[in-house]
Amino acid sequence: MKNELLKQADDILARSRRVAERHAILIEQNTKLKSEVESLRSELKAKQKQLEELEQSMKVINIGNAALQNSEDTQELKKKLNEYIREVDRCINFIKAI
């Protein structure tokens, strides 16, 4: 009877050691996975920002291409841009004067 109880106790101890070892391994894996997730999130944010910049560039290119297709529109676009540039210069000079 005592031998049987001792054997059961030893079995329980052995199982608890295996569970504790497995728990430690899982904690380590979890930590590594959390780090990887954070790294991938950062990478995703950078890629999203890059995509937004490229989309913005494409919009500008498309607008420019559309404007260049018609020479009258090109002249009008140049006039508008010059007006905007002059307006920005006036704003900058106004701000400097303050």
N, C-alpha and C. Protein backbone atom coordinates (compact mmCIF):
# COMPACT_ATOMS: atom_id res chain seq x y z
N MET A 1 0.81 -1.19 0.00
CA MET A 1 0.00 0.00 0.00
C MET A 1 0.86 1.27 0.00
N LYS A 2 1.89 1.27 0.87
CA LYS A 2 2.78 2.42 0.93
C LYS A 2 3.53 2.56 -0.39
N ASN A 3 3.97 1.44 -0.93
CA ASN A 3 4.69 1.49 -2.20
C ASN A 3 3.81 2.05 -3.31
N GLU A 4 2.57 1.65 -3.27
CA GLU A 4 1.62 2.12 -4.27
C GLU A 4 1.40 3.62 -4.15
N LEU A 5 1.27 4.12 -2.94
CA LEU A 5 1.08 5.56 -2.70
C LEU A 5 2.34 6.34 -3.09
N LEU A 6 3.50 5.79 -2.77
CA LEU A 6 4.75 6.45 -3.13
C LEU A 6 4.90 6.52 -4.66
N LYS A 7 4.51 5.43 -5.31
CA LYS A 7 4.59 5.41 -6.77
C LYS A 7 3.66 6.46 -7.37
N GLN A 8 2.46 6.56 -6.83
CA GLN A 8 1.50 7.56 -7.31
C GLN A 8 2.01 8.98 -7.06
N ALA A 9 2.62 9.19 -5.92
CA ALA A 9 3.18 10.51 -5.59
C ALA A 9 4.31 10.84 -6.55
N ASP A 10 5.17 9.86 -6.83
CA ASP A 10 6.26 10.08 -7.78
C ASP A 10 5.73 10.40 -9.17
N ASP A 11 4.68 9.67 -9.58
CA ASP A 11 4.06 9.93 -10.88
C ASP A 11 3.49 11.35 -10.94
N ILE A 12 2.84 11.76 -9.87
CA ILE A 12 2.27 13.10 -9.81
C ILE A 12 3.38 14.14 -9.87
N LEU A 13 4.46 13.94 -9.16
CA LEU A 13 5.59 14.87 -9.18
C LEU A 13 6.20 14.95 -10.58
N ALA A 14 6.36 13.79 -11.21
CA ALA A 14 6.94 13.76 -12.55
C ALA A 14 6.04 14.52 -13.54
N ARG A 15 4.74 14.30 -13.43
CA ARG A 15 3.80 15.01 -14.31
C ARG A 15 3.84 16.51 -14.05
N SER A 16 3.89 16.91 -12.77
CA SER A 16 3.92 18.34 -12.47
C SER A 16 5.20 18.98 -12.98
N ARG A 17 6.33 18.26 -12.94
CA ARG A 17 7.57 18.80 -13.50
C ARG A 17 7.44 19.00 -15.02
N ARG A 18 6.85 18.00 -15.68
CA ARG A 18 6.66 18.12 -17.14
C ARG A 18 5.73 19.29 -17.47
N VAL A 19 4.68 19.43 -16.68
CA VAL A 19 3.76 20.55 -16.90
C VAL A 19 4.48 21.88 -16.67
N ALA A 20 5.28 21.96 -15.64
CA ALA A 20 6.02 23.19 -15.34
C ALA A 20 7.03 23.50 -16.46
N GLU A 21 7.71 22.46 -16.94
CA GLU A 21 8.66 22.65 -18.04
C GLU A 21 7.94 23.13 -19.30
N ARG A 22 6.82 22.47 -19.59
CA ARG A 22 6.03 22.86 -20.77
C ARG A 22 5.50 24.28 -20.61
N HIS A 23 5.10 24.63 -19.42
CA HIS A 23 4.62 25.99 -19.14
C HIS A 23 5.71 27.02 -19.41
N ALA A 24 6.93 26.73 -18.94
CA ALA A 24 8.05 27.65 -19.15
C ALA A 24 8.34 27.80 -20.65
N ILE A 25 8.29 26.69 -21.38
CA ILE A 25 8.53 26.74 -22.82
C ILE A 25 7.46 27.58 -23.51
N LEU A 26 6.21 27.38 -23.11
CA LEU A 26 5.11 28.14 -23.71
C LEU A 26 5.21 29.62 -23.40
N ILE A 27 5.64 29.97 -22.20
CA ILE A 27 5.83 31.38 -21.85
C ILE A 27 6.91 31.99 -22.74
N GLU A 28 8.00 31.27 -22.95
CA GLU A 28 9.09 31.76 -23.80
C GLU A 28 8.59 31.93 -25.25
N GLN A 29 7.86 30.94 -25.73
CA GLN A 29 7.32 31.04 -27.09
C GLN A 29 6.35 32.21 -27.21
N ASN A 30 5.53 32.40 -26.21
CA ASN A 30 4.57 33.50 -26.21
C ASN A 30 5.29 34.84 -26.27
N THR A 31 6.36 34.97 -25.50
CA THR A 31 7.13 36.21 -25.49
C THR A 31 7.71 36.48 -26.88
N LYS A 32 8.27 35.44 -27.50
CA LYS A 32 8.84 35.59 -28.84
C LYS A 32 7.75 35.97 -29.85
N LEU A 33 6.61 35.34 -29.74
CA LEU A 33 5.51 35.63 -30.67
C LEU A 33 4.99 37.05 -30.49
N LYS A 34 4.91 37.52 -29.25
CA LYS A 34 4.48 38.89 -29.01
C LYS A 34 5.45 39.88 -29.64
N SER A 35 6.74 39.58 -29.50
CA SER A 35 7.76 40.44 -30.10
C SER A 35 7.63 40.44 -31.62
N GLU A 36 7.40 39.27 -32.20
CA GLU A 36 7.23 39.17 -33.64
C GLU A 36 6.00 39.93 -34.11
N VAL A 37 4.92 39.83 -33.36
CA VAL A 37 3.69 40.55 -33.71
C VAL A 37 3.95 42.05 -33.70
N GLU A 38 4.64 42.53 -32.69
CA GLU A 38 4.93 43.96 -32.60
C GLU A 38 5.80 44.41 -33.78
N SER A 39 6.77 43.59 -34.11
CA SER A 39 7.64 43.90 -35.25
C SER A 39 6.83 43.94 -36.55
N LEU A 40 5.94 42.98 -36.73
CA LEU A 40 5.11 42.94 -37.93
C LEU A 40 4.14 44.11 -37.98
N ARG A 41 3.64 44.52 -36.83
CA ARG A 41 2.75 45.70 -36.80
C ARG A 41 3.50 46.95 -37.24
N SER A 42 4.73 47.09 -36.75
CA SER A 42 5.54 48.25 -37.15
C SER A 42 5.81 48.22 -38.65
N GLU A 43 6.14 47.05 -39.15
CA GLU A 43 6.41 46.90 -40.57
C GLU A 43 5.14 47.21 -41.39
N LEU A 44 4.00 46.76 -40.91
CA LEU A 44 2.73 47.02 -41.59
C LEU A 44 2.45 48.51 -41.64
N LYS A 45 2.67 49.21 -40.52
CA LYS A 45 2.46 50.66 -40.49
C LYS A 45 3.35 51.35 -41.51
N ALA A 46 4.61 50.93 -41.58
CA ALA A 46 5.54 51.54 -42.53
C ALA A 46 5.08 51.28 -43.96
N LYS A 47 4.63 50.07 -44.23
CA LYS A 47 4.15 49.73 -45.58
C LYS A 47 2.89 50.51 -45.92
N GLN A 48 2.00 50.68 -44.95
CA GLN A 48 0.78 51.45 -45.18
C GLN A 48 1.12 52.90 -45.50
N LYS A 49 2.08 53.46 -44.76
CA LYS A 49 2.50 54.84 -45.00
C LYS A 49 3.11 54.96 -46.39
N GLN A 50 3.94 53.99 -46.75
CA GLN A 50 4.56 54.00 -48.07
C GLN A 50 3.48 53.90 -49.16
N LEU A 51 2.48 53.05 -48.94
CA LEU A 51 1.39 52.91 -49.90
C LEU A 51 0.62 54.22 -50.05
N GLU A 52 0.33 54.88 -48.94
CA GLU A 52 -0.38 56.16 -48.99
C GLU A 52 0.43 57.19 -49.79
N GLU A 53 1.75 57.22 -49.57
CA GLU A 53 2.60 58.16 -50.29
C GLU A 53 2.60 57.85 -51.79
N LEU A 54 2.65 56.56 -52.12
CA LEU A 54 2.63 56.19 -53.53
C LEU A 54 1.28 56.51 -54.18
N GLU A 55 0.19 56.29 -53.43
CA GLU A 55 -1.13 56.64 -53.96
C GLU A 55 -1.23 58.14 -54.20
N GLN A 56 -0.68 58.92 -53.27
CA GLN A 56 -0.69 60.38 -53.43
C GLN A 56 0.12 60.78 -54.65
N SER A 57 1.27 60.14 -54.84
CA SER A 57 2.10 60.42 -56.01
C SER A 57 1.36 60.08 -57.29
N MET A 58 0.65 58.96 -57.27
CA MET A 58 -0.11 58.56 -58.45
C MET A 58 -1.20 59.59 -58.77
N LYS A 59 -1.86 60.11 -57.74
CA LYS A 59 -2.89 61.13 -57.95
C LYS A 59 -2.28 62.36 -58.62
N VAL A 60 -1.12 62.78 -58.11
CA VAL A 60 -0.46 63.96 -58.66
C VAL A 60 -0.05 63.71 -60.10
N ILE A 61 0.48 62.53 -60.36
CA ILE A 61 0.90 62.19 -61.73
C ILE A 61 -0.31 62.17 -62.66
N ASN A 62 -1.39 61.56 -62.20
CA ASN A 62 -2.60 61.51 -63.03
C ASN A 62 -3.15 62.90 -63.31
N ILE A 63 -3.14 63.75 -62.31
CA ILE A 63 -3.60 65.13 -62.51
C ILE A 63 -2.69 65.84 -63.51
N GLY A 64 -1.39 65.65 -63.33
CA GLY A 64 -0.43 66.27 -64.24
C GLY A 64 -0.60 65.77 -65.67
N ASN A 65 -0.79 64.46 -65.82
CA ASN A 65 -0.98 63.90 -67.17
C ASN A 65 -2.26 64.42 -67.81
N ALA A 66 -3.31 64.50 -67.01
CA ALA A 66 -4.57 65.00 -67.53
C ALA A 66 -4.43 66.46 -67.95
N ALA A 67 -3.68 67.22 -67.18
CA ALA A 67 -3.51 68.64 -67.48
C ALA A 67 -2.65 68.83 -68.73
N LEU A 68 -1.70 67.95 -68.96
CA LEU A 68 -0.81 68.10 -70.10
C LEU A 68 -1.45 67.68 -71.42
N GLN A 69 -2.57 67.01 -71.36
CA GLN A 69 -3.20 66.53 -72.59
C GLN A 69 -3.79 67.67 -73.42
N ASN A 70 -4.07 68.76 -72.80
CA ASN A 70 -4.66 69.87 -73.52
C ASN A 70 -3.80 71.11 -73.26
N SER A 71 -3.29 71.71 -74.33
CA SER A 71 -2.37 72.83 -74.15
C SER A 71 -3.05 74.04 -73.53
N GLU A 72 -4.34 74.27 -73.85
CA GLU A 72 -5.06 75.37 -73.23
C GLU A 72 -5.17 75.15 -71.72
N ASP A 73 -5.47 73.90 -71.37
CA ASP A 73 -5.56 73.58 -69.95
C ASP A 73 -4.20 73.75 -69.28
N THR A 74 -3.14 73.44 -70.01
CA THR A 74 -1.79 73.58 -69.47
C THR A 74 -1.50 75.04 -69.14
N GLN A 75 -1.85 75.92 -70.08
CA GLN A 75 -1.62 77.34 -69.84
C GLN A 75 -2.44 77.84 -68.66
N GLU A 76 -3.67 77.37 -68.58
CA GLU A 76 -4.54 77.78 -67.47
C GLU A 76 -4.00 77.23 -66.14
N LEU A 77 -3.53 75.99 -66.18
CA LEU A 77 -2.95 75.38 -64.98
C LEU A 77 -1.73 76.16 -64.52
N LYS A 78 -0.87 76.55 -65.47
CA LYS A 78 0.32 77.34 -65.12
C LYS A 78 -0.08 78.66 -64.49
N LYS A 79 -1.11 79.30 -65.05
CA LYS A 79 -1.58 80.57 -64.48
C LYS A 79 -2.08 80.38 -63.05
N LYS A 80 -2.87 79.31 -62.84
CA LYS A 80 -3.40 79.03 -61.49
C LYS A 80 -2.26 78.76 -60.52
N LEU A 81 -1.30 77.95 -60.96
CA LEU A 81 -0.16 77.65 -60.08
C LEU A 81 0.61 78.91 -59.73
N ASN A 82 0.82 79.77 -60.71
CA ASN A 82 1.52 81.03 -60.45
C ASN A 82 0.73 81.90 -59.46
N GLU A 83 -0.59 81.91 -59.62
CA GLU A 83 -1.43 82.66 -58.68
C GLU A 83 -1.28 82.11 -57.26
N TYR A 84 -1.33 80.78 -57.16
CA TYR A 84 -1.19 80.15 -55.84
C TYR A 84 0.18 80.44 -55.24
N ILE A 85 1.21 80.40 -56.06
CA ILE A 85 2.57 80.68 -55.57
C ILE A 85 2.65 82.12 -55.07
N ARG A 86 2.08 83.05 -55.84
CA ARG A 86 2.10 84.46 -55.41
C ARG A 86 1.33 84.62 -54.09
N GLU A 87 0.20 83.92 -53.97
CA GLU A 87 -0.60 84.00 -52.75
C GLU A 87 0.19 83.45 -51.56
N VAL A 88 0.88 82.35 -51.75
CA VAL A 88 1.69 81.77 -50.68
C VAL A 88 2.81 82.74 -50.31
N ASP A 89 3.44 83.35 -51.30
CA ASP A 89 4.50 84.33 -51.02
C ASP A 89 3.95 85.51 -50.21
N ARG A 90 2.74 85.98 -50.56
CA ARG A 90 2.13 87.08 -49.80
C ARG A 90 1.87 86.65 -48.35
N CYS A 91 1.39 85.43 -48.18
CA CYS A 91 1.14 84.93 -46.82
C CYS A 91 2.43 84.85 -46.02
N ILE A 92 3.48 84.35 -46.66
CA ILE A 92 4.78 84.23 -45.96
C ILE A 92 5.28 85.61 -45.57
N ASN A 93 5.19 86.58 -46.48
CA ASN A 93 5.63 87.94 -46.17
C ASN A 93 4.78 88.54 -45.08
N PHE A 94 3.49 88.27 -45.08
CA PHE A 94 2.60 88.77 -44.02
C PHE A 94 3.00 88.18 -42.67
N ILE A 95 3.27 86.89 -42.65
CA ILE A 95 3.66 86.23 -41.40
C ILE A 95 4.99 86.76 -40.89
N LYS A 96 5.93 87.01 -41.80
CA LYS A 96 7.23 87.56 -41.41
C LYS A 96 7.08 88.95 -40.82
N ALA A 97 6.10 89.68 -41.33
CA ALA A 97 5.93 91.07 -40.89
C ALA A 97 5.33 91.12 -39.49
N ILE A 98 4.70 90.07 -39.07
CA ILE A 98 4.05 90.07 -37.76
C ILE A 98 5.04 89.99 -36.64
